[in-house]
Amino acid sequence: MGMGDCDKVDCPSDACNGGEALKVKTRAKSCGCRLKAVLTNATPGSSYGFIMPGMECKTAVANSRGKAVAKDCPSRGGDVTVPTCGLRKAAICP
């Protein structure tokens, strides 16, 4: 799946400061593969849109420490993107 596929999903963020970093973790849980996407160094109070591997948009607001978390379960392996910030990470389910 290329970045062009993500362009078809409307998943906006308030704004990006350029210092954000994206981390993705997966774990096997009772619901299936649980995917947790964490955006760090975000602007506190700003809303960020995450596109999950199933092309579903999840939004999360950054806390006072600049951390925004989006979870998806059951999920599947693939790319997690924050399109407004140009960030992408691959997720591999166990």
C-alpha atoms as a PDB file:
ATOM      1  CA  MET A   1       0.000   0.000   0.000  1.00  0.00           C
ATOM      2  CA  GLY A   2       1.549   3.293  -1.044  1.00  0.00           C
ATOM      3  CA  MET A   3       1.282   6.701   0.560  1.00  0.00           C
ATOM      4  CA  GLY A   4      -1.204   7.596  -2.187  1.00  0.00           C
ATOM      5  CA  ASP A   5      -3.753   5.217  -0.611  1.00  0.00           C
ATOM      6  CA  CYS A   6      -3.650   7.245   2.595  1.00  0.00           C
ATOM      7  CA  ASP A   7      -4.484  10.390   0.628  1.00  0.00           C
ATOM      8  CA  LYS A   8      -7.939   8.908   0.003  1.00  0.00           C
ATOM      9  CA  VAL A   9      -8.723   8.934   3.743  1.00  0.00           C
ATOM     10  CA  ASP A  10      -9.631  12.292   5.284  1.00  0.00           C
ATOM     11  CA  CYS A  11      -7.728  12.293   8.561  1.00  0.00           C
ATOM     12  CA  PRO A  12      -6.674  15.838   9.498  1.00  0.00           C
ATOM     13  CA  SER A  13      -4.575  17.079  12.391  1.00  0.00           C
ATOM     14  CA  ASP A  14      -4.680  20.571  13.917  1.00  0.00           C
ATOM     15  CA  ALA A  15      -1.078  21.380  13.037  1.00  0.00           C
ATOM     16  CA  CYS A  16       2.387  19.878  13.154  1.00  0.00           C
ATOM     17  CA  ASN A  17       5.370  21.566  14.788  1.00  0.00           C
ATOM     18  CA  GLY A  18       7.942  19.535  12.826  1.00  0.00           C
ATOM     19  CA  GLY A  19       9.420  17.843  15.911  1.00  0.00           C
ATOM     20  CA  GLU A  20       6.907  15.014  16.223  1.00  0.00           C
ATOM     21  CA  ALA A  21       8.022  11.377  16.293  1.00  0.00           C
ATOM     22  CA  LEU A  22       5.827   8.302  15.753  1.00  0.00           C
ATOM     23  CA  LYS A  23       6.270   4.941  17.512  1.00  0.00           C
ATOM     24  CA  VAL A  24       4.137   1.845  16.937  1.00  0.00           C
ATOM     25  CA  LYS A  25       3.820  -1.246  19.165  1.00  0.00           C
ATOM     26  CA  THR A  26       1.731  -4.386  18.731  1.00  0.00           C
ATOM     27  CA  ARG A  27       0.727  -7.092  21.215  1.00  0.00           C
ATOM     28  CA  ALA A  28      -1.407 -10.187  21.081  1.00  0.00           C
ATOM     29  CA  LYS A  29      -4.498  -9.583  23.242  1.00  0.00           C
ATOM     30  CA  SER A  30      -7.876 -11.296  23.700  1.00  0.00           C
ATOM     31  CA  CYS A  31      -9.365  -8.989  21.021  1.00  0.00           C
ATOM     32  CA  GLY A  32      -6.646 -10.032  18.544  1.00  0.00           C
ATOM     33  CA  CYS A  33      -3.663  -7.934  17.521  1.00  0.00           C
ATOM     34  CA  ARG A  34      -3.650  -4.703  19.540  1.00  0.00           C
ATOM     35  CA  LEU A  35      -1.872  -1.829  17.861  1.00  0.00           C
ATOM     36  CA  LYS A  36      -0.780   1.212  19.855  1.00  0.00           C
ATOM     37  CA  ALA A  37       0.495   4.284  17.994  1.00  0.00           C
ATOM     38  CA  VAL A  38       2.240   6.950  20.078  1.00  0.00           C
ATOM     39  CA  LEU A  39       3.069  10.411  18.779  1.00  0.00           C
ATOM     40  CA  THR A  40       5.644  12.238  20.917  1.00  0.00           C
ATOM     41  CA  ASN A  41       6.938  15.828  20.904  1.00  0.00           C
ATOM     42  CA  ALA A  42       3.485  16.965  19.749  1.00  0.00           C
ATOM     43  CA  THR A  43       1.938  20.342  20.585  1.00  0.00           C
ATOM     44  CA  PRO A  44      -0.035  19.934  23.873  1.00  0.00           C
ATOM     45  CA  GLY A  45      -3.795  20.265  23.354  1.00  0.00           C
ATOM     46  CA  SER A  46      -3.591  19.744  19.584  1.00  0.00           C
ATOM     47  CA  SER A  47      -5.625  17.021  17.883  1.00  0.00           C
ATOM     48  CA  TYR A  48      -3.793  14.524  15.636  1.00  0.00           C
ATOM     49  CA  GLY A  49      -5.269  12.138  13.059  1.00  0.00           C
ATOM     50  CA  PHE A  50      -3.788   8.628  12.783  1.00  0.00           C
ATOM     51  CA  ILE A  51      -4.603   6.373   9.812  1.00  0.00           C
ATOM     52  CA  MET A  52      -4.507   2.769  11.004  1.00  0.00           C
ATOM     53  CA  PRO A  53      -3.618  -0.234   8.773  1.00  0.00           C
ATOM     54  CA  GLY A  54      -7.336  -0.846   8.050  1.00  0.00           C
ATOM     55  CA  MET A  55      -7.530   2.705   6.562  1.00  0.00           C
ATOM     56  CA  GLU A  56      -9.575   3.871   9.561  1.00  0.00           C
ATOM     57  CA  CYS A  57      -8.923   7.353  10.995  1.00  0.00           C
ATOM     58  CA  LYS A  58      -8.476   7.667  14.759  1.00  0.00           C
ATOM     59  CA  THR A  59      -7.943  11.023  16.416  1.00  0.00           C
ATOM     60  CA  ALA A  60      -6.106  11.715  19.645  1.00  0.00           C
ATOM     61  CA  VAL A  61      -5.361  14.904  21.571  1.00  0.00           C
ATOM     62  CA  ALA A  62      -1.827  15.485  22.819  1.00  0.00           C
ATOM     63  CA  ASN A  63      -1.551  15.656  26.613  1.00  0.00           C
ATOM     64  CA  SER A  64       0.365  18.298  28.570  1.00  0.00           C
ATOM     65  CA  ARG A  65       3.631  16.427  27.856  1.00  0.00           C
ATOM     66  CA  GLY A  66       2.990  16.424  24.090  1.00  0.00           C
ATOM     67  CA  LYS A  67       2.024  12.757  23.802  1.00  0.00           C
ATOM     68  CA  ALA A  68      -0.941  11.526  21.725  1.00  0.00           C
ATOM     69  CA  VAL A  69      -1.949   7.838  21.760  1.00  0.00           C
ATOM     70  CA  ALA A  70      -4.241   5.949  19.367  1.00  0.00           C
ATOM     71  CA  LYS A  71      -5.166   2.281  19.869  1.00  0.00           C
ATOM     72  CA  ASP A  72      -6.778  -0.212  17.511  1.00  0.00           C
ATOM     73  CA  CYS A  73      -7.943  -3.737  18.374  1.00  0.00           C
ATOM     74  CA  PRO A  74      -8.375  -5.952  16.506  1.00  0.00           C
ATOM     75  CA  SER A  75      -5.886  -4.580  14.030  1.00  0.00           C
ATOM     76  CA  ARG A  76      -3.710  -6.014  11.312  1.00  0.00           C
ATOM     77  CA  GLY A  77      -0.178  -5.414  10.183  1.00  0.00           C
ATOM     78  CA  GLY A  78       0.571  -2.547   7.862  1.00  0.00           C
ATOM     79  CA  ASP A  79       1.433   1.128   7.977  1.00  0.00           C
ATOM     80  CA  VAL A  80       0.289   3.668  10.540  1.00  0.00           C
ATOM     81  CA  THR A  81       0.461   7.239   9.255  1.00  0.00           C
ATOM     82  CA  VAL A  82      -0.058  10.756  10.571  1.00  0.00           C
ATOM     83  CA  PRO A  83      -0.559  12.303   7.106  1.00  0.00           C
ATOM     84  CA  THR A  84      -0.597  15.969   8.154  1.00  0.00           C
ATOM     85  CA  CYS A  85       2.864  15.527   9.713  1.00  0.00           C
ATOM     86  CA  GLY A  86       4.194  13.235   6.953  1.00  0.00           C
ATOM     87  CA  LEU A  87       4.958  10.432   9.442  1.00  0.00           C
ATOM     88  CA  ARG A  88       4.685   6.705   8.737  1.00  0.00           C
ATOM     89  CA  LYS A  89       5.656   3.559  10.681  1.00  0.00           C
ATOM     90  CA  ALA A  90       5.168  -0.114   9.871  1.00  0.00           C
ATOM     91  CA  ALA A  91       3.299  -2.329  12.310  1.00  0.00           C
ATOM     92  CA  ILE A  92       3.825  -6.093  12.399  1.00  0.00           C
ATOM     93  CA  CYS A  93       1.274  -8.143  14.306  1.00  0.00           C
ATOM     94  CA  PRO A  94       2.527 -11.073  16.411  1.00  0.00           C
END
